[in-house]
PDB file of N, CA and C in Angstrom:
ATOM      1  N   MET A   1     289.018  83.189 104.700  1.00  0.00           N
ATOM      2  CA  MET A   1     288.824  84.833 104.243  1.00  0.00           C
ATOM      3  C   MET A   1     288.375  85.389 105.801  1.00  0.00           C
ATOM      4  N   PRO A   2     289.010  86.584 105.858  1.00  0.00           N
ATOM      5  CA  PRO A   2     288.474  87.696 106.821  1.00  0.00           C
ATOM      6  C   PRO A   2     287.342  88.008 107.099  1.00  0.00           C
ATOM      7  N   LEU A   3     286.643  88.204 108.513  1.00  0.00           N
ATOM      8  CA  LEU A   3     285.014  88.488 108.710  1.00  0.00           C
ATOM      9  C   LEU A   3     284.944  89.992 107.582  1.00  0.00           C
ATOM     10  N   ASP A   4     285.713  90.826 107.725  1.00  0.00           N
ATOM     11  CA  ASP A   4     285.616  91.760 106.879  1.00  0.00           C
ATOM     12  C   ASP A   4     284.958  91.597 105.282  1.00  0.00           C
ATOM     13  N   GLU A   5     285.525  90.535 104.238  1.00  0.00           N
ATOM     14  CA  GLU A   5     285.513  90.208 103.274  1.00  0.00           C
ATOM     15  C   GLU A   5     284.128  89.538 103.135  1.00  0.00           C
ATOM     16  N   ILE A   6     283.869  88.373 104.040  1.00  0.00           N
ATOM     17  CA  ILE A   6     282.866  87.732 103.794  1.00  0.00           C
ATOM     18  C   ILE A   6     281.482  88.689 104.420  1.00  0.00           C
ATOM     19  N   LYS A   7     281.866  89.918 105.451  1.00  0.00           N
ATOM     20  CA  LYS A   7     280.438  90.885 105.313  1.00  0.00           C
ATOM     21  C   LYS A   7     280.302  91.595 103.829  1.00  0.00           C
ATOM     22  N   ARG A   8     281.352  91.942 103.553  1.00  0.00           N
ATOM     23  CA  ARG A   8     281.019  92.615 102.029  1.00  0.00           C
ATOM     24  C   ARG A   8     280.404  91.783 100.976  1.00  0.00           C
ATOM     25  N   SER A   9     281.037  90.531 101.381  1.00  0.00           N
ATOM     26  CA  SER A   9     280.772  89.308  99.719  1.00  0.00           C
ATOM     27  C   SER A   9     278.947  89.263 100.214  1.00  0.00           C
ATOM     28  N   LEU A  10     278.773  89.312 100.855  1.00  0.00           N
ATOM     29  CA  LEU A  10     277.269  88.698 101.508  1.00  0.00           C
ATOM     30  C   LEU A  10     276.341  90.154 101.443  1.00  0.00           C
ATOM     31  N   CYS A  11     276.874  91.390 101.344  1.00  0.00           N
ATOM     32  CA  CYS A  11     276.066  92.580 101.348  1.00  0.00           C
ATOM     33  C   CYS A  11     275.905  93.148 102.664  1.00  0.00           C
ATOM     34  N   LEU A  12     276.642  92.542 103.588  1.00  0.00           N
ATOM     35  CA  LEU A  12     275.909  92.717 105.187  1.00  0.00           C
ATOM     36  C   LEU A  12     276.689  94.177 105.435  1.00  0.00           C
ATOM     37  N   ASP A  13     277.483  95.099 104.761  1.00  0.00           N
ATOM     38  CA  ASP A  13     277.619  96.629 105.085  1.00  0.00           C
ATOM     39  C   ASP A  13     276.296  97.646 105.249  1.00  0.00           C
ATOM     40  N   GLU A  14     275.527  97.421 104.448  1.00  0.00           N
ATOM     41  CA  GLU A  14     274.526  98.146 104.427  1.00  0.00           C
ATOM     42  C   GLU A  14     273.401  97.635 105.715  1.00  0.00           C
ATOM     43  N   ILE A  15     273.473  96.145 105.903  1.00  0.00           N
ATOM     44  CA  ILE A  15     272.362  95.978 106.964  1.00  0.00           C
ATOM     45  C   ILE A  15     273.162  96.522 108.463  1.00  0.00           C
ATOM     46  N   MET A  16     274.477  96.159 108.648  1.00  0.00           N
ATOM     47  CA  MET A  16     275.418  96.595 109.589  1.00  0.00           C
ATOM     48  C   MET A  16     274.956  98.616 110.143  1.00  0.00           C
ATOM     49  N   PHE A  17     274.761  99.079 108.729  1.00  0.00           N
ATOM     50  CA  PHE A  17     274.985 100.275 109.068  1.00  0.00           C
ATOM     51  C   PHE A  17     273.434 101.096 109.377  1.00  0.00           C
ATOM     52  N   LEU A  18     272.865  99.874 108.910  1.00  0.00           N
ATOM     53  CA  LEU A  18     270.624 100.820 109.567  1.00  0.00           C
ATOM     54  C   LEU A  18     271.288 100.168 111.125  1.00  0.00           C
ATOM     55  N   PHE A  19     271.728  99.008 111.659  1.00  0.00           N
ATOM     56  CA  PHE A  19     271.830  98.465 112.814  1.00  0.00           C
ATOM     57  C   PHE A  19     272.747  99.706 113.777  1.00  0.00           C
ATOM     58  N   GLU A  20     273.602 100.289 112.843  1.00  0.00           N
ATOM     59  CA  GLU A  20     274.847 101.310 113.903  1.00  0.00           C
ATOM     60  C   GLU A  20     273.501 101.839 113.954  1.00  0.00           C
ATOM     61  N   ARG A  21     272.787 102.396 113.461  1.00  0.00           N
ATOM     62  CA  ARG A  21     271.922 104.081 113.650  1.00  0.00           C
ATOM     63  C   ARG A  21     271.704 103.900 115.124  1.00  0.00           C
ATOM     64  N   LYS A  22     271.346 102.799 115.229  1.00  0.00           N
ATOM     65  CA  LYS A  22     270.191 102.276 116.274  1.00  0.00           C
ATOM     66  C   LYS A  22     270.507 102.142 117.436  1.00  0.00           C
ATOM     67  N   ILE A  23     271.958 101.236 117.439  1.00  0.00           N
ATOM     68  CA  ILE A  23     272.030 100.432 118.103  1.00  0.00           C
ATOM     69  C   ILE A  23     273.665  99.997 117.653  1.00  0.00           C
ATOM     70  N   ASP A  24     274.881 100.534 118.845  1.00  0.00           N
ATOM     71  CA  ASP A  24     276.399 100.313 118.644  1.00  0.00           C
ATOM     72  C   ASP A  24     277.327  99.364 118.113  1.00  0.00           C
ATOM     73  N   TYR A  25     278.000  99.196 117.297  1.00  0.00           N
ATOM     74  CA  TYR A  25     278.346  98.436 116.418  1.00  0.00           C
ATOM     75  C   TYR A  25     278.707  97.043 116.914  1.00  0.00           C
ATOM     76  N   LYS A  26     279.220  96.745 118.249  1.00  0.00           N
ATOM     77  CA  LYS A  26     279.638  95.314 118.596  1.00  0.00           C
ATOM     78  C   LYS A  26     278.219  94.514 118.751  1.00  0.00           C
ATOM     79  N   THR A  27     277.152  95.489 119.523  1.00  0.00           N
ATOM     80  CA  THR A  27     275.871  94.717 119.367  1.00  0.00           C
ATOM     81  C   THR A  27     275.158  94.617 118.084  1.00  0.00           C
ATOM     82  N   ALA A  28     275.659  95.347 117.054  1.00  0.00           N
ATOM     83  CA  ALA A  28     275.286  95.241 115.394  1.00  0.00           C
ATOM     84  C   ALA A  28     275.957  94.009 114.982  1.00  0.00           C
ATOM     85  N   GLU A  29     276.826  94.118 115.162  1.00  0.00           N
ATOM     86  CA  GLU A  29     277.807  92.634 115.039  1.00  0.00           C
ATOM     87  C   GLU A  29     277.516  90.855 115.425  1.00  0.00           C
ATOM     88  N   ARG A  30     277.158  91.569 116.615  1.00  0.00           N
ATOM     89  CA  ARG A  30     276.782  90.219 117.431  1.00  0.00           C
ATOM     90  C   ARG A  30     275.539  89.409 117.026  1.00  0.00           C
ATOM     91  N   PHE A  31     274.479  90.189 116.977  1.00  0.00           N
ATOM     92  CA  PHE A  31     273.199  90.308 115.943  1.00  0.00           C
ATOM     93  C   PHE A  31     273.469  88.969 114.746  1.00  0.00           C
ATOM     94  N   VAL A  32     274.518  90.628 114.056  1.00  0.00           N
ATOM     95  CA  VAL A  32     274.078  89.809 112.510  1.00  0.00           C
ATOM     96  C   VAL A  32     274.727  88.015 112.344  1.00  0.00           C
ATOM     97  N   GLU A  33     276.193  88.110 113.534  1.00  0.00           N
ATOM     98  CA  GLU A  33     276.798  86.833 113.424  1.00  0.00           C
ATOM     99  C   GLU A  33     275.713  85.663 114.012  1.00  0.00           C
ATOM    100  N   ARG A  34     274.789  86.004 114.976  1.00  0.00           N
ATOM    101  CA  ARG A  34     273.733  85.111 115.803  1.00  0.00           C
ATOM    102  C   ARG A  34     273.088  84.785 114.746  1.00  0.00           C
ATOM    103  N   CYS A  35     272.612  85.153 113.245  1.00  0.00           N
ATOM    104  CA  CYS A  35     271.825  85.383 112.277  1.00  0.00           C
ATOM    105  C   CYS A  35     271.888  84.340 111.418  1.00  0.00           C
ATOM    106  N   PHE A  36     273.298  84.122 110.885  1.00  0.00           N
ATOM    107  CA  PHE A  36     274.532  83.536 110.241  1.00  0.00           C
ATOM    108  C   PHE A  36     274.555  81.870 110.596  1.00  0.00           C
ATOM    109  N   SER A  37     274.990  82.354 111.955  1.00  0.00           N
ATOM    110  CA  SER A  37     274.708  81.021 112.599  1.00  0.00           C
ATOM    111  C   SER A  37     273.037  79.988 112.656  1.00  0.00           C
ATOM    112  N   LEU A  38     272.264  80.886 113.071  1.00  0.00           N
ATOM    113  CA  LEU A  38     271.163  80.383 113.008  1.00  0.00           C
ATOM    114  C   LEU A  38     270.461  79.091 112.025  1.00  0.00           C
ATOM    115  N   VAL A  39     270.946  80.519 110.577  1.00  0.00           N
ATOM    116  CA  VAL A  39     270.813  80.417 109.350  1.00  0.00           C
ATOM    117  C   VAL A  39     271.400  79.178 108.216  1.00  0.00           C
ATOM    118  N   ILE A  40     272.758  79.031 109.020  1.00  0.00           N
ATOM    119  CA  ILE A  40     273.069  77.615 108.889  1.00  0.00           C
ATOM    120  C   ILE A  40     273.117  76.501 109.528  1.00  0.00           C
ATOM    121  N   TYR A  41     272.831  76.694 110.867  1.00  0.00           N
ATOM    122  CA  TYR A  41     272.483  75.766 111.859  1.00  0.00           C
ATOM    123  C   TYR A  41     271.065  74.852 111.006  1.00  0.00           C
ATOM    124  N   CYS A  42     270.257  75.740 110.484  1.00  0.00           N
ATOM    125  CA  CYS A  42     268.962  75.472 110.023  1.00  0.00           C
ATOM    126  C   CYS A  42     269.549  74.270 108.985  1.00  0.00           C
ATOM    127  N   LEU A  43     269.638  75.086 108.052  1.00  0.00           N
ATOM    128  CA  LEU A  43     270.446  74.587 106.274  1.00  0.00           C
ATOM    129  C   LEU A  43     270.524  73.036 106.768  1.00  0.00           C
ATOM    130  N   LEU A  44     271.849  72.987 107.916  1.00  0.00           N
ATOM    131  CA  LEU A  44     272.356  71.799 108.401  1.00  0.00           C
ATOM    132  C   LEU A  44     271.619  70.866 108.132  1.00  0.00           C
ATOM    133  N   ALA A  45     270.885  71.446 109.430  1.00  0.00           N
ATOM    134  CA  ALA A  45     269.525  70.045 109.929  1.00  0.00           C
ATOM    135  C   ALA A  45     268.805  69.646 108.516  1.00  0.00           C
ATOM    136  N   VAL A  46     268.463  70.615 107.804  1.00  0.00           N
ATOM    137  CA  VAL A  46     267.538  70.753 106.818  1.00  0.00           C
ATOM    138  C   VAL A  46     267.768  69.396 105.805  1.00  0.00           C
ATOM    139  N   TYR A  47     269.563  69.085 105.726  1.00  0.00           N
ATOM    140  CA  TYR A  47     269.998  68.714 104.766  1.00  0.00           C
ATOM    141  C   TYR A  47     270.709  67.288 105.727  1.00  0.00           C
ATOM    142  N   ASP A  48     270.458  67.285 106.729  1.00  0.00           N
ATOM    143  CA  ASP A  48     270.797  66.040 107.642  1.00  0.00           C
ATOM    144  C   ASP A  48     268.986  64.808 107.478  1.00  0.00           C
ATOM    145  N   VAL A  49     267.928  65.893 107.812  1.00  0.00           N
ATOM    146  CA  VAL A  49     266.752  65.085 107.870  1.00  0.00           C
ATOM    147  C   VAL A  49     266.548  65.016 105.811  1.00  0.00           C
ATOM    148  N   MET A  50     266.452  65.495 104.604  1.00  0.00           N
ATOM    149  CA  MET A  50     267.036  65.336 103.399  1.00  0.00           C
ATOM    150  C   MET A  50     267.750  63.678 103.498  1.00  0.00           C
ATOM    151  N   LYS A  51     268.929  64.007 103.887  1.00  0.00           N
ATOM    152  CA  LYS A  51     269.458  63.396 103.875  1.00  0.00           C
ATOM    153  C   LYS A  51     269.348  61.639 104.687  1.00  0.00           C
ATOM    154  N   LYS A  52     268.616  61.270 105.866  1.00  0.00           N
ATOM    155  CA  LYS A  52     268.222  60.190 106.272  1.00  0.00           C
ATOM    156  C   LYS A  52     267.341  59.966 105.790  1.00  0.00           C
ATOM    157  N   ASP A  53     265.941  60.919 104.978  1.00  0.00           N
ATOM    158  CA  ASP A  53     264.737  60.830 103.453  1.00  0.00           C
ATOM    159  C   ASP A  53     265.052  59.513 102.833  1.00  0.00           C
ATOM    160  N   CYS A  54     266.669  59.761 102.298  1.00  0.00           N
ATOM    161  CA  CYS A  54     267.127  59.343 100.989  1.00  0.00           C
ATOM    162  C   CYS A  54     267.055  58.224 101.342  1.00  0.00           C
ATOM    163  N   ARG A  55     268.219  58.052 102.129  1.00  0.00           N
ATOM    164  CA  ARG A  55     268.581  56.810 102.854  1.00  0.00           C
ATOM    165  C   ARG A  55     267.079  55.691 103.384  1.00  0.00           C
ATOM    166  N   THR A  56     266.357  56.048 104.122  1.00  0.00           N
ATOM    167  CA  THR A  56     265.328  55.531 104.220  1.00  0.00           C
ATOM    168  C   THR A  56     264.269  54.994 102.970  1.00  0.00           C
ATOM    169  N   GLN A  57     264.157  55.790 101.868  1.00  0.00           N
ATOM    170  CA  GLN A  57     263.308  55.572 100.938  1.00  0.00           C
ATOM    171  C   GLN A  57     264.275  54.275  99.760  1.00  0.00           C
ATOM    172  N   SER A  58     265.927  54.817  99.840  1.00  0.00           N
ATOM    173  CA  SER A  58     266.509  53.800  99.229  1.00  0.00           C
ATOM    174  C   SER A  58     266.177  52.129 100.109  1.00  0.00           C
ATOM    175  N   GLY A  59     266.030  52.058 101.688  1.00  0.00           N
ATOM    176  CA  GLY A  59     265.750  51.087 102.070  1.00  0.00           C
ATOM    177  C   GLY A  59     264.335  50.114 101.410  1.00  0.00           C
ATOM    178  N   ILE A  60     264.010  51.036 101.297  1.00  0.00           N
ATOM    179  CA  ILE A  60     262.600  50.632 100.876  1.00  0.00           C
ATOM    180  C   ILE A  60     262.201  50.090  99.549  1.00  0.00           C
ATOM    181  N   HIS A  61     263.104  50.605  98.702  1.00  0.00           N
ATOM    182  CA  HIS A  61     262.970  50.384  97.443  1.00  0.00           C
ATOM    183  C   HIS A  61     264.173  48.884  97.195  1.00  0.00           C
ATOM    184  N   ASN A  62     264.859  49.360  98.446  1.00  0.00           N
ATOM    185  CA  ASN A  62     265.834  47.410  98.179  1.00  0.00           C
ATOM    186  C   ASN A  62     265.202  46.732  98.303  1.00  0.00           C
ATOM    187  N   LYS A  63     263.977  46.550  99.456  1.00  0.00           N
ATOM    188  CA  LYS A  63     263.139  45.678 100.599  1.00  0.00           C
ATOM    189  C   LYS A  63     261.961  45.052  99.000  1.00  0.00           C
ATOM    190  N   GLN A  64     262.406  45.473  98.229  1.00  0.00           N
ATOM    191  CA  GLN A  64     261.053  45.550  96.902  1.00  0.00           C
ATOM    192  C   GLN A  64     261.659  44.277  96.068  1.00  0.00           C
TER     193      GLN A  64
END
């Protein structure tokens, strides 16, 4: 899926428009991409912690 389609599907056109009024397009684009990268990394970290927690709890239940 091209980047333009992803932006539209996530309603980023409005965000980009607001940023473009204050800063240039490339800076706005990099900012938005970094924000979404940060969100994805945070979600992956939470998922990893939850997965490890489930494994730990399963191990405790199996020992009893």
